[in-house]
C-alpha atoms as a PDB file:
ATOM      1  CA  MET A   1     -90.839  84.207  -3.011  1.00  0.00           C
ATOM      2  CA  ASN A   2     -90.809  80.448  -2.601  1.00  0.00           C
ATOM      3  CA  GLU A   3     -92.959  78.890   0.067  1.00  0.00           C
ATOM      4  CA  LYS A   4     -91.123  76.853   2.680  1.00  0.00           C
ATOM      5  CA  LYS A   5     -91.993  73.200   2.965  1.00  0.00           C
ATOM      6  CA  ILE A   6     -91.790  71.920   6.529  1.00  0.00           C
ATOM      7  CA  ILE A   7     -90.129  68.519   6.966  1.00  0.00           C
ATOM      8  CA  PRO A   8     -90.820  67.175  10.478  1.00  0.00           C
ATOM      9  CA  ILE A   9     -88.241  65.004  12.217  1.00  0.00           C
ATOM     10  CA  THR A  10     -88.667  63.027  15.421  1.00  0.00           C
ATOM     11  CA  THR A  11     -84.956  62.626  16.166  1.00  0.00           C
ATOM     12  CA  GLU A  12     -82.372  65.195  17.234  1.00  0.00           C
ATOM     13  CA  TYR A  13     -81.080  65.518  13.662  1.00  0.00           C
ATOM     14  CA  ILE A  14     -81.259  64.003  10.190  1.00  0.00           C
ATOM     15  CA  LYS A  15     -78.292  63.551   7.872  1.00  0.00           C
ATOM     16  CA  LEU A  16     -78.395  65.345   4.525  1.00  0.00           C
ATOM     17  CA  GLY A  17     -78.381  62.085   2.543  1.00  0.00           C
ATOM     18  CA  GLN A  18     -81.395  60.817   4.503  1.00  0.00           C
ATOM     19  CA  PHE A  19     -83.093  64.193   4.131  1.00  0.00           C
ATOM     20  CA  LEU A  20     -82.796  64.028   0.332  1.00  0.00           C
ATOM     21  CA  LYS A  21     -84.519  60.643   0.392  1.00  0.00           C
ATOM     22  CA  VAL A  22     -87.288  61.791   2.779  1.00  0.00           C
ATOM     23  CA  THR A  23     -88.096  64.773   0.546  1.00  0.00           C
ATOM     24  CA  GLY A  24     -88.243  62.563  -2.551  1.00  0.00           C
ATOM     25  CA  THR A  25     -85.331  64.385  -4.141  1.00  0.00           C
ATOM     26  CA  ILE A  26     -83.506  61.072  -4.618  1.00  0.00           C
ATOM     27  CA  SER A  27     -84.929  57.561  -4.700  1.00  0.00           C
ATOM     28  CA  SER A  28     -82.248  55.790  -2.678  1.00  0.00           C
ATOM     29  CA  GLY A  29     -79.459  56.666  -0.293  1.00  0.00           C
ATOM     30  CA  SER A  30     -76.854  55.481  -2.774  1.00  0.00           C
ATOM     31  CA  ASP A  31     -77.876  58.338  -5.111  1.00  0.00           C
ATOM     32  CA  ALA A  32     -76.919  60.997  -2.550  1.00  0.00           C
ATOM     33  CA  LYS A  33     -73.228  61.307  -3.368  1.00  0.00           C
ATOM     34  CA  PHE A  34     -73.847  61.772  -7.095  1.00  0.00           C
ATOM     35  CA  PHE A  35     -76.757  64.166  -6.532  1.00  0.00           C
ATOM     36  CA  LEU A  36     -74.693  66.329  -4.183  1.00  0.00           C
ATOM     37  CA  SER A  37     -71.814  66.477  -6.690  1.00  0.00           C
ATOM     38  CA  GLU A  38     -74.142  67.616  -9.491  1.00  0.00           C
ATOM     39  CA  ASN A  39     -76.500  70.019  -7.675  1.00  0.00           C
ATOM     40  CA  LYS A  40     -76.134  73.092  -5.507  1.00  0.00           C
ATOM     41  CA  ILE A  41     -77.531  72.548  -2.020  1.00  0.00           C
ATOM     42  CA  LEU A  42     -77.681  75.366   0.527  1.00  0.00           C
ATOM     43  CA  VAL A  43     -77.949  74.622   4.238  1.00  0.00           C
ATOM     44  CA  ASN A  44     -78.717  77.794   6.200  1.00  0.00           C
ATOM     45  CA  GLY A  45     -77.541  79.779   3.175  1.00  0.00           C
ATOM     46  CA  GLU A  46     -74.176  78.024   2.816  1.00  0.00           C
ATOM     47  CA  THR A  47     -73.224  75.546   0.097  1.00  0.00           C
ATOM     48  CA  GLU A  48     -73.093  71.985   1.393  1.00  0.00           C
ATOM     49  CA  ASN A  49     -72.017  68.774  -0.353  1.00  0.00           C
ATOM     50  CA  ARG A  50     -71.447  66.326   2.523  1.00  0.00           C
ATOM     51  CA  ARG A  51     -74.169  63.687   2.654  1.00  0.00           C
ATOM     52  CA  GLY A  52     -73.370  63.089   6.338  1.00  0.00           C
ATOM     53  CA  LYS A  53     -73.984  66.730   7.312  1.00  0.00           C
ATOM     54  CA  LYS A  54     -76.255  66.764  10.371  1.00  0.00           C
ATOM     55  CA  LEU A  55     -79.386  68.856   9.966  1.00  0.00           C
ATOM     56  CA  TYR A  56     -81.189  70.014  13.102  1.00  0.00           C
ATOM     57  CA  LYS A  57     -84.639  71.487  13.698  1.00  0.00           C
ATOM     58  CA  ASN A  58     -85.071  75.042  12.331  1.00  0.00           C
ATOM     59  CA  TYR A  59     -82.364  74.520   9.690  1.00  0.00           C
ATOM     60  CA  THR A  60     -83.315  75.579   6.173  1.00  0.00           C
ATOM     61  CA  VAL A  61     -82.254  73.597   3.134  1.00  0.00           C
ATOM     62  CA  GLU A  62     -82.553  74.900  -0.426  1.00  0.00           C
ATOM     63  CA  ILE A  63     -82.512  72.351  -3.233  1.00  0.00           C
ATOM     64  CA  ASN A  64     -82.843  73.585  -6.820  1.00  0.00           C
ATOM     65  CA  GLY A  65     -84.908  76.590  -5.739  1.00  0.00           C
ATOM     66  CA  THR A  66     -87.172  74.712  -3.319  1.00  0.00           C
ATOM     67  CA  ILE A  67     -86.807  75.721   0.326  1.00  0.00           C
ATOM     68  CA  PHE A  68     -87.366  73.220   3.111  1.00  0.00           C
ATOM     69  CA  GLU A  69     -87.407  73.895   6.828  1.00  0.00           C
ATOM     70  CA  ILE A  70     -86.717  71.114   9.294  1.00  0.00           C
ATOM     71  CA  GLY A  71     -89.397  71.075  11.949  1.00  0.00           C
END
């Protein structure tokens, strides 16, 4: 089983595009749209492709087999 990586946030939420940048998955925000169109991202177990999707604390995000939890 994959270990969860905790990504702390200090705001109420973080948008998926920003989250991808914070985790180092993409190098710039402009890469988000392309990345989301080419990769399967699961937010709380459901496929998500909107870079503006708001992610709140305790959400889980799976990117290419790596599981992140927003803390």
